[in-house]
PDB file of all heavy atoms in Angstrom:
ATOM      1  N   LEU A   1      12.701 -10.496  -4.325  1.00  0.00           N
ATOM      2  CA  LEU A   1      12.323 -10.337  -5.735  1.00  0.00           C
ATOM      3  C   LEU A   1      10.870 -10.739  -5.963  1.00  0.00           C
ATOM      4  O   LEU A   1      10.158 -10.103  -6.760  1.00  0.00           O
ATOM      5  CB  LEU A   1      13.244 -11.178  -6.619  1.00  0.00           C
ATOM      6  CG  LEU A   1      14.718 -10.740  -6.664  1.00  0.00           C
ATOM      7  CD1 LEU A   1      15.539 -11.718  -7.491  1.00  0.00           C
ATOM      8  CD2 LEU A   1      14.846  -9.326  -7.234  1.00  0.00           C
ATOM      9  N   LEU A   2      10.410 -11.785  -5.262  1.00  0.00           N
ATOM     10  CA  LEU A   2       9.008 -12.197  -5.375  1.00  0.00           C
ATOM     11  C   LEU A   2       8.081 -11.090  -4.889  1.00  0.00           C
ATOM     12  O   LEU A   2       7.050 -10.800  -5.531  1.00  0.00           O
ATOM     13  CB  LEU A   2       8.771 -13.475  -4.570  1.00  0.00           C
ATOM     14  CG  LEU A   2       7.316 -13.959  -4.485  1.00  0.00           C
ATOM     15  CD1 LEU A   2       6.788 -14.326  -5.873  1.00  0.00           C
ATOM     16  CD2 LEU A   2       7.189 -15.146  -3.526  1.00  0.00           C
ATOM     17  N   MET A   3       8.440 -10.465  -3.772  1.00  0.00           N
ATOM     18  CA  MET A   3       7.624  -9.362  -3.252  1.00  0.00           C
ATOM     19  C   MET A   3       7.566  -8.212  -4.253  1.00  0.00           C
ATOM     20  O   MET A   3       6.501  -7.623  -4.496  1.00  0.00           O
ATOM     21  CB  MET A   3       8.194  -8.883  -1.914  1.00  0.00           C
ATOM     22  CG  MET A   3       8.067  -9.911  -0.786  1.00  0.00           C
ATOM     23  SD  MET A   3       9.056  -9.496   0.658  1.00  0.00           S
ATOM     24  CE  MET A   3       8.167  -8.067   1.305  1.00  0.00           C
ATOM     25  N   GLY A   4       8.712  -7.893  -4.865  1.00  0.00           N
ATOM     26  CA  GLY A   4       8.723  -6.842  -5.879  1.00  0.00           C
ATOM     27  C   GLY A   4       7.867  -7.211  -7.078  1.00  0.00           C
ATOM     28  O   GLY A   4       7.138  -6.367  -7.618  1.00  0.00           O
ATOM     29  N   LEU A   5       7.913  -8.485  -7.484  1.00  0.00           N
ATOM     30  CA  LEU A   5       7.133  -8.937  -8.644  1.00  0.00           C
ATOM     31  C   LEU A   5       5.635  -8.815  -8.391  1.00  0.00           C
ATOM     32  O   LEU A   5       4.895  -8.298  -9.251  1.00  0.00           O
ATOM     33  CB  LEU A   5       7.504 -10.387  -8.979  1.00  0.00           C
ATOM     34  CG  LEU A   5       6.705 -11.036 -10.111  1.00  0.00           C
ATOM     35  CD1 LEU A   5       6.951 -10.316 -11.429  1.00  0.00           C
ATOM     36  CD2 LEU A   5       7.067 -12.522 -10.249  1.00  0.00           C
ATOM     37  N   VAL A   6       5.157  -9.277  -7.240  1.00  0.00           N
ATOM     38  CA  VAL A   6       3.715  -9.233  -6.984  1.00  0.00           C
ATOM     39  C   VAL A   6       3.225  -7.785  -6.868  1.00  0.00           C
ATOM     40  O   VAL A   6       2.100  -7.461  -7.276  1.00  0.00           O
ATOM     41  CB  VAL A   6       3.322 -10.057  -5.736  1.00  0.00           C
ATOM     42  CG1 VAL A   6       3.674 -11.520  -5.916  1.00  0.00           C
ATOM     43  CG2 VAL A   6       3.939  -9.505  -4.453  1.00  0.00           C
ATOM     44  N   LEU A   7       4.076  -6.909  -6.335  1.00  0.00           N
ATOM     45  CA  LEU A   7       3.689  -5.500  -6.244  1.00  0.00           C
ATOM     46  C   LEU A   7       3.625  -4.865  -7.631  1.00  0.00           C
ATOM     47  O   LEU A   7       2.727  -4.059  -7.915  1.00  0.00           O
ATOM     48  CB  LEU A   7       4.676  -4.732  -5.360  1.00  0.00           C
ATOM     49  CG  LEU A   7       4.654  -5.063  -3.871  1.00  0.00           C
ATOM     50  CD1 LEU A   7       5.720  -4.273  -3.117  1.00  0.00           C
ATOM     51  CD2 LEU A   7       3.281  -4.788  -3.251  1.00  0.00           C
ATOM     52  N   MET A   8       4.556  -5.231  -8.506  1.00  0.00           N
ATOM     53  CA  MET A   8       4.539  -4.682  -9.862  1.00  0.00           C
ATOM     54  C   MET A   8       3.336  -5.198 -10.645  1.00  0.00           C
ATOM     55  O   MET A   8       2.742  -4.460 -11.447  1.00  0.00           O
ATOM     56  CB  MET A   8       5.847  -5.026 -10.587  1.00  0.00           C
ATOM     57  CG  MET A   8       7.056  -4.306 -10.016  1.00  0.00           C
ATOM     58  SD  MET A   8       8.588  -4.613 -10.924  1.00  0.00           S
ATOM     59  CE  MET A   8       8.364  -3.553 -12.352  1.00  0.00           C
ATOM     60  N   ILE A   9       2.958  -6.455 -10.426  1.00  0.00           N
ATOM     61  CA  ILE A   9       1.757  -6.993 -11.078  1.00  0.00           C
ATOM     62  C   ILE A   9       0.528  -6.212 -10.637  1.00  0.00           C
ATOM     63  O   ILE A   9      -0.307  -5.810 -11.467  1.00  0.00           O
ATOM     64  CB  ILE A   9       1.602  -8.495 -10.758  1.00  0.00           C
ATOM     65  CG1 ILE A   9       2.702  -9.303 -11.457  1.00  0.00           C
ATOM     66  CG2 ILE A   9       0.217  -8.996 -11.177  1.00  0.00           C
ATOM     67  CD1 ILE A   9       2.739 -10.758 -11.041  1.00  0.00           C
ATOM     68  N   MET A  10       0.413  -5.961  -9.333  1.00  0.00           N
ATOM     69  CA  MET A  10      -0.746  -5.221  -8.838  1.00  0.00           C
ATOM     70  C   MET A  10      -0.735  -3.781  -9.352  1.00  0.00           C
ATOM     71  O   MET A  10      -1.782  -3.235  -9.736  1.00  0.00           O
ATOM     72  CB  MET A  10      -0.746  -5.238  -7.304  1.00  0.00           C
ATOM     73  CG  MET A  10      -1.913  -4.470  -6.676  1.00  0.00           C
ATOM     74  SD  MET A  10      -3.536  -4.962  -7.315  1.00  0.00           S
ATOM     75  CE  MET A  10      -3.639  -6.651  -6.721  1.00  0.00           C
ATOM     76  N   ASN A  11       0.442  -3.161  -9.408  1.00  0.00           N
ATOM     77  CA  ASN A  11       0.528  -1.797  -9.932  1.00  0.00           C
ATOM     78  C   ASN A  11       0.115  -1.751 -11.396  1.00  0.00           C
ATOM     79  O   ASN A  11      -0.582  -0.821 -11.827  1.00  0.00           O
ATOM     80  CB  ASN A  11       1.955  -1.267  -9.772  1.00  0.00           C
ATOM     81  CG  ASN A  11       2.124   0.125 -10.346  1.00  0.00           C
ATOM     82  OD1 ASN A  11       1.541   1.090  -9.867  1.00  0.00           O
ATOM     83  ND2 ASN A  11       2.915   0.243 -11.404  1.00  0.00           N
ATOM     84  N   ALA A  12       0.524  -2.773 -12.175  1.00  0.00           N
ATOM     85  CA  ALA A  12       0.157  -2.814 -13.594  1.00  0.00           C
ATOM     86  C   ALA A  12      -1.351  -2.949 -13.764  1.00  0.00           C
ATOM     87  O   ALA A  12      -1.961  -2.294 -14.630  1.00  0.00           O
ATOM     88  CB  ALA A  12       0.877  -3.975 -14.286  1.00  0.00           C
ATOM     89  N   VAL A  13      -1.976  -3.790 -12.935  1.00  0.00           N
ATOM     90  CA  VAL A  13      -3.427  -3.981 -13.008  1.00  0.00           C
ATOM     91  C   VAL A  13      -4.157  -2.678 -12.672  1.00  0.00           C
ATOM     92  O   VAL A  13      -5.083  -2.249 -13.381  1.00  0.00           O
ATOM     93  CB  VAL A  13      -3.873  -5.115 -12.056  1.00  0.00           C
ATOM     94  CG1 VAL A  13      -5.399  -5.167 -11.962  1.00  0.00           C
ATOM     95  CG2 VAL A  13      -3.322  -6.449 -12.530  1.00  0.00           C
ATOM     96  N   ILE A  14      -3.736  -2.038 -11.583  1.00  0.00           N
ATOM     97  CA  ILE A  14      -4.389  -0.791 -11.165  1.00  0.00           C
ATOM     98  C   ILE A  14      -4.121   0.319 -12.183  1.00  0.00           C
ATOM     99  O   ILE A  14      -5.011   1.133 -12.481  1.00  0.00           O
ATOM    100  CB  ILE A  14      -3.894  -0.381  -9.765  1.00  0.00           C
ATOM    101  CG1 ILE A  14      -4.328  -1.422  -8.731  1.00  0.00           C
ATOM    102  CG2 ILE A  14      -4.433   1.000  -9.378  1.00  0.00           C
ATOM    103  CD1 ILE A  14      -3.785  -1.173  -7.324  1.00  0.00           C
ATOM    104  N   ALA A  15      -2.899   0.370 -12.735  1.00  0.00           N
ATOM    105  CA  ALA A  15      -2.556   1.409 -13.709  1.00  0.00           C
ATOM    106  C   ALA A  15      -3.440   1.316 -14.945  1.00  0.00           C
ATOM    107  O   ALA A  15      -3.891   2.331 -15.488  1.00  0.00           O
ATOM    108  CB  ALA A  15      -1.081   1.277 -14.098  1.00  0.00           C
ATOM    109  N   LYS A  16      -3.690   0.083 -15.388  1.00  0.00           N
ATOM    110  CA  LYS A  16      -4.562  -0.105 -16.555  1.00  0.00           C
ATOM    111  C   LYS A  16      -5.992   0.298 -16.234  1.00  0.00           C
ATOM    112  O   LYS A  16      -6.672   0.949 -17.044  1.00  0.00           O
ATOM    113  CB  LYS A  16      -4.498  -1.565 -17.012  1.00  0.00           C
ATOM    114  CG  LYS A  16      -5.308  -1.843 -18.269  1.00  0.00           C
ATOM    115  CD  LYS A  16      -5.151  -3.283 -18.736  1.00  0.00           C
ATOM    116  CE  LYS A  16      -5.943  -3.544 -20.012  1.00  0.00           C
ATOM    117  NZ  LYS A  16      -5.809  -4.948 -20.477  1.00  0.00           N
ATOM    118  N   LYS A  17      -6.443  -0.073 -15.043  1.00  0.00           N
ATOM    119  CA  LYS A  17      -7.817   0.223 -14.637  1.00  0.00           C
ATOM    120  C   LYS A  17      -8.039   1.729 -14.480  1.00  0.00           C
ATOM    121  O   LYS A  17      -9.093   2.254 -14.868  1.00  0.00           O
ATOM    122  CB  LYS A  17      -8.124  -0.496 -13.320  1.00  0.00           C
ATOM    123  CG  LYS A  17      -9.531  -0.309 -12.814  1.00  0.00           C
ATOM    124  CD  LYS A  17      -9.764  -1.095 -11.530  1.00  0.00           C
ATOM    125  CE  LYS A  17     -11.175  -0.887 -10.993  1.00  0.00           C
ATOM    126  NZ  LYS A  17     -11.393  -1.625  -9.714  1.00  0.00           N
ATOM    127  N   ARG A  18      -7.055   2.432 -13.915  1.00  0.00           N
ATOM    128  CA  ARG A  18      -7.210   3.872 -13.645  1.00  0.00           C
ATOM    129  C   ARG A  18      -6.574   4.741 -14.726  1.00  0.00           C
ATOM    130  O   ARG A  18      -6.567   5.967 -14.610  1.00  0.00           O
ATOM    131  CB  ARG A  18      -6.594   4.213 -12.283  1.00  0.00           C
ATOM    132  CG  ARG A  18      -7.213   3.451 -11.121  1.00  0.00           C
ATOM    133  CD  ARG A  18      -6.657   3.965  -9.799  1.00  0.00           C
ATOM    134  NE  ARG A  18      -7.078   3.127  -8.675  1.00  0.00           N
ATOM    135  CZ  ARG A  18      -6.743   3.367  -7.409  1.00  0.00           C
ATOM    136  NH1 ARG A  18      -6.001   4.426  -7.100  1.00  0.00           N
ATOM    137  NH2 ARG A  18      -7.146   2.550  -6.448  1.00  0.00           N
ATOM    138  N   ASN A  19      -5.993   4.090 -15.745  1.00  0.00           N
ATOM    139  CA  ASN A  19      -5.372   4.820 -16.851  1.00  0.00           C
ATOM    140  C   ASN A  19      -4.280   5.772 -16.363  1.00  0.00           C
ATOM    141  O   ASN A  19      -4.239   6.946 -16.717  1.00  0.00           O
ATOM    142  CB  ASN A  19      -6.432   5.604 -17.645  1.00  0.00           C
ATOM    143  CG  ASN A  19      -5.919   6.034 -19.013  1.00  0.00           C
ATOM    144  OD1 ASN A  19      -5.085   5.354 -19.597  1.00  0.00           O
ATOM    145  ND2 ASN A  19      -6.401   7.153 -19.493  1.00  0.00           N
ATOM    146  N   PHE A  20      -3.370   5.255 -15.563  1.00  0.00           N
ATOM    147  CA  PHE A  20      -2.247   6.050 -15.080  1.00  0.00           C
ATOM    148  C   PHE A  20      -1.341   6.415 -16.260  1.00  0.00           C
ATOM    149  O   PHE A  20      -1.276   5.691 -17.261  1.00  0.00           O
ATOM    150  CB  PHE A  20      -1.435   5.288 -14.039  1.00  0.00           C
ATOM    151  CG  PHE A  20      -2.105   5.215 -12.682  1.00  0.00           C
ATOM    152  CD1 PHE A  20      -1.830   4.166 -11.828  1.00  0.00           C
ATOM    153  CD2 PHE A  20      -2.979   6.194 -12.263  1.00  0.00           C
ATOM    154  CE1 PHE A  20      -2.421   4.090 -10.580  1.00  0.00           C
ATOM    155  CE2 PHE A  20      -3.585   6.132 -11.018  1.00  0.00           C
ATOM    156  CZ  PHE A  20      -3.303   5.077 -10.172  1.00  0.00           C
ATOM    157  N   PRO A  21      -0.595   7.521 -16.146  1.00  0.00           N
ATOM    158  CA  PRO A  21       0.260   7.970 -17.263  1.00  0.00           C
ATOM    159  C   PRO A  21       1.531   7.143 -17.401  1.00  0.00           C
ATOM    160  O   PRO A  21       1.935   6.426 -16.482  1.00  0.00           O
ATOM    161  CB  PRO A  21       0.607   9.411 -16.873  1.00  0.00           C
ATOM    162  CG  PRO A  21       0.555   9.411 -15.372  1.00  0.00           C
ATOM    163  CD  PRO A  21      -0.559   8.469 -15.013  1.00  0.00           C
ATOM    164  N   THR A  22       2.146   7.247 -18.567  1.00  0.00           N
ATOM    165  CA  THR A  22       3.486   6.684 -18.796  1.00  0.00           C
ATOM    166  C   THR A  22       4.490   7.837 -18.782  1.00  0.00           C
ATOM    167  O   THR A  22       4.122   8.999 -18.965  1.00  0.00           O
ATOM    168  CB  THR A  22       3.575   5.959 -20.141  1.00  0.00           C
ATOM    169  OG1 THR A  22       3.235   6.890 -21.177  1.00  0.00           O
ATOM    170  CG2 THR A  22       2.608   4.789 -20.188  1.00  0.00           C
ATOM    171  N   GLU A  23       5.750   7.519 -18.563  1.00  0.00           N
ATOM    172  CA  GLU A  23       6.792   8.542 -18.584  1.00  0.00           C
ATOM    173  C   GLU A  23       7.486   8.521 -19.941  1.00  0.00           C
ATOM    174  O   GLU A  23       7.421   7.535 -20.679  1.00  0.00           O
ATOM    175  CB  GLU A  23       7.819   8.274 -17.466  1.00  0.00           C
ATOM    176  CG  GLU A  23       7.201   8.137 -16.089  1.00  0.00           C
ATOM    177  CD  GLU A  23       6.347   9.327 -15.704  1.00  0.00           C
ATOM    178  OE1 GLU A  23       6.844  10.464 -15.799  1.00  0.00           O
ATOM    179  OE2 GLU A  23       5.181   9.125 -15.315  1.00  0.00           O
ATOM    180  N   ALA A  24       8.135   9.620 -20.254  1.00  0.00           N
ATOM    181  CA  ALA A  24       8.871   9.696 -21.509  1.00  0.00           C
ATOM    182  C   ALA A  24       9.977   8.649 -21.509  1.00  0.00           C
ATOM    183  O   ALA A  24      10.736   8.532 -20.547  1.00  0.00           O
ATOM    184  CB  ALA A  24       9.468  11.094 -21.684  1.00  0.00           C
ATOM    185  N   ALA A  25      10.035   7.869 -22.590  1.00  0.00           N
ATOM    186  CA  ALA A  25      11.035   6.802 -22.671  1.00  0.00           C
ATOM    187  C   ALA A  25      12.432   7.392 -22.768  1.00  0.00           C
ATOM    188  O   ALA A  25      12.677   8.335 -23.521  1.00  0.00           O
ATOM    189  CB  ALA A  25      10.749   5.917 -23.877  1.00  0.00           C
ATOM    190  N   THR A  26      13.350   6.860 -21.980  1.00  0.00           N
ATOM    191  CA  THR A  26      14.750   7.289 -22.036  1.00  0.00           C
ATOM    192  C   THR A  26      15.391   6.717 -23.295  1.00  0.00           C
ATOM    193  O   THR A  26      15.351   5.506 -23.520  1.00  0.00           O
ATOM    194  CB  THR A  26      15.522   6.780 -20.800  1.00  0.00           C
ATOM    195  OG1 THR A  26      14.901   7.289 -19.623  1.00  0.00           O
ATOM    196  CG2 THR A  26      16.973   7.221 -20.843  1.00  0.00           C
ATOM    197  N   PRO A  27      15.960   7.578 -24.136  1.00  0.00           N
ATOM    198  CA  PRO A  27      16.609   7.070 -25.357  1.00  0.00           C
ATOM    199  C   PRO A  27      17.708   6.063 -25.008  1.00  0.00           C
ATOM    200  O   PRO A  27      18.421   6.229 -24.011  1.00  0.00           O
ATOM    201  CB  PRO A  27      17.204   8.337 -25.989  1.00  0.00           C
ATOM    202  CG  PRO A  27      16.408   9.465 -25.420  1.00  0.00           C
ATOM    203  CD  PRO A  27      16.025   9.043 -24.036  1.00  0.00           C
ATOM    204  N   PHE A  28      17.830   5.042 -25.838  1.00  0.00           N
ATOM    205  CA  PHE A  28      18.841   4.017 -25.577  1.00  0.00           C
ATOM    206  C   PHE A  28      20.248   4.606 -25.595  1.00  0.00           C
ATOM    207  O   PHE A  28      21.156   4.085 -24.939  1.00  0.00           O
ATOM    208  CB  PHE A  28      18.718   2.886 -26.606  1.00  0.00           C
ATOM    209  CG  PHE A  28      17.527   2.002 -26.376  1.00  0.00           C
ATOM    210  CD1 PHE A  28      16.418   2.064 -27.198  1.00  0.00           C
ATOM    211  CD2 PHE A  28      17.514   1.112 -25.301  1.00  0.00           C
ATOM    212  CE1 PHE A  28      15.317   1.256 -26.974  1.00  0.00           C
ATOM    213  CE2 PHE A  28      16.415   0.293 -25.077  1.00  0.00           C
ATOM    214  CZ  PHE A  28      15.307   0.360 -25.910  1.00  0.00           C
ATOM    215  N   SER A  29      20.428   5.710 -26.313  1.00  0.00           N
ATOM    216  CA  SER A  29      21.753   6.339 -26.366  1.00  0.00           C
ATOM    217  C   SER A  29      22.174   6.913 -25.009  1.00  0.00           C
ATOM    218  O   SER A  29      23.364   7.092 -24.738  1.00  0.00           O
ATOM    219  CB  SER A  29      21.759   7.450 -27.416  1.00  0.00           C
ATOM    220  OG  SER A  29      20.795   8.444 -27.092  1.00  0.00           O
ATOM    221  N   GLN A  30      21.163   7.205 -24.138  1.00  0.00           N
ATOM    222  CA  GLN A  30      21.477   7.768 -22.825  1.00  0.00           C
ATOM    223  C   GLN A  30      21.617   6.702 -21.738  1.00  0.00           C
ATOM    224  O   GLN A  30      22.046   6.999 -20.628  1.00  0.00           O
ATOM    225  CB  GLN A  30      20.386   8.770 -22.410  1.00  0.00           C
ATOM    226  CG  GLN A  30      20.314  10.004 -23.287  1.00  0.00           C
ATOM    227  CD  GLN A  30      19.261  10.984 -22.788  1.00  0.00           C
ATOM    228  OE1 GLN A  30      18.841  10.936 -21.630  1.00  0.00           O
ATOM    229  NE2 GLN A  30      18.831  11.889 -23.668  1.00  0.00           N
ATOM    230  N   MET A  31      21.230   5.465 -22.053  1.00  0.00           N
ATOM    231  CA  MET A  31      21.275   4.408 -21.044  1.00  0.00           C
ATOM    232  C   MET A  31      22.674   4.172 -20.473  1.00  0.00           C
ATOM    233  O   MET A  31      22.826   3.999 -19.259  1.00  0.00           O
ATOM    234  CB  MET A  31      20.711   3.114 -21.622  1.00  0.00           C
ATOM    235  CG  MET A  31      19.199   3.092 -21.730  1.00  0.00           C
ATOM    236  SD  MET A  31      18.364   3.197 -20.133  1.00  0.00           S
ATOM    237  CE  MET A  31      18.870   1.654 -19.367  1.00  0.00           C
ATOM    238  N   PRO A  32      23.731   4.157 -21.300  1.00  0.00           N
ATOM    239  CA  PRO A  32      25.065   3.959 -20.713  1.00  0.00           C
ATOM    240  C   PRO A  32      25.433   5.022 -19.688  1.00  0.00           C
ATOM    241  O   PRO A  32      26.018   4.711 -18.640  1.00  0.00           O
ATOM    242  CB  PRO A  32      25.997   4.011 -21.936  1.00  0.00           C
ATOM    243  CG  PRO A  32      25.132   3.599 -23.081  1.00  0.00           C
ATOM    244  CD  PRO A  32      23.781   4.161 -22.776  1.00  0.00           C
ATOM    245  N   ARG A  33      25.083   6.298 -19.956  1.00  0.00           N
ATOM    246  CA  ARG A  33      25.411   7.367 -19.013  1.00  0.00           C
ATOM    247  C   ARG A  33      24.638   7.208 -17.716  1.00  0.00           C
ATOM    248  O   ARG A  33      25.198   7.342 -16.614  1.00  0.00           O
ATOM    249  CB  ARG A  33      25.100   8.738 -19.643  1.00  0.00           C
ATOM    250  CG  ARG A  33      25.381   9.926 -18.711  1.00  0.00           C
ATOM    251  CD  ARG A  33      25.002  11.239 -19.386  1.00  0.00           C
ATOM    252  NE  ARG A  33      23.605  11.279 -19.749  1.00  0.00           N
ATOM    253  CZ  ARG A  33      22.621  11.578 -18.890  1.00  0.00           C
ATOM    254  NH1 ARG A  33      22.896  11.834 -17.610  1.00  0.00           N
ATOM    255  NH2 ARG A  33      21.369  11.591 -19.310  1.00  0.00           N
ATOM    256  N   VAL A  34      23.318   6.912 -17.815  1.00  0.00           N
ATOM    257  CA  VAL A  34      22.489   6.734 -16.628  1.00  0.00           C
ATOM    258  C   VAL A  34      22.981   5.542 -15.804  1.00  0.00           C
ATOM    259  O   VAL A  34      23.062   5.606 -14.574  1.00  0.00           O
ATOM    260  CB  VAL A  34      21.007   6.541 -17.030  1.00  0.00           C
ATOM    261  CG1 VAL A  34      20.163   6.214 -15.804  1.00  0.00           C
ATOM    262  CG2 VAL A  34      20.475   7.799 -17.717  1.00  0.00           C
ATOM    263  N   THR A  35      23.322   4.468 -16.506  1.00  0.00           N
ATOM    264  CA  THR A  35      23.811   3.268 -15.811  1.00  0.00           C
ATOM    265  C   THR A  35      25.144   3.534 -15.134  1.00  0.00           C
ATOM    266  O   THR A  35      25.372   3.103 -14.000  1.00  0.00           O
ATOM    267  CB  THR A  35      23.952   2.099 -16.801  1.00  0.00           C
ATOM    268  OG1 THR A  35      22.693   1.879 -17.444  1.00  0.00           O
ATOM    269  CG2 THR A  35      24.379   0.825 -16.080  1.00  0.00           C
TER     270      THR A  35
END
């Protein structure tokens, strides 16, 4: 989990710097089906 956390922190930093795109938010009504 620590390895995943540090990688996500670095991805967030780079994403902000390079202005990476976001994905369309999944509606909360669909979360039960996806889960």
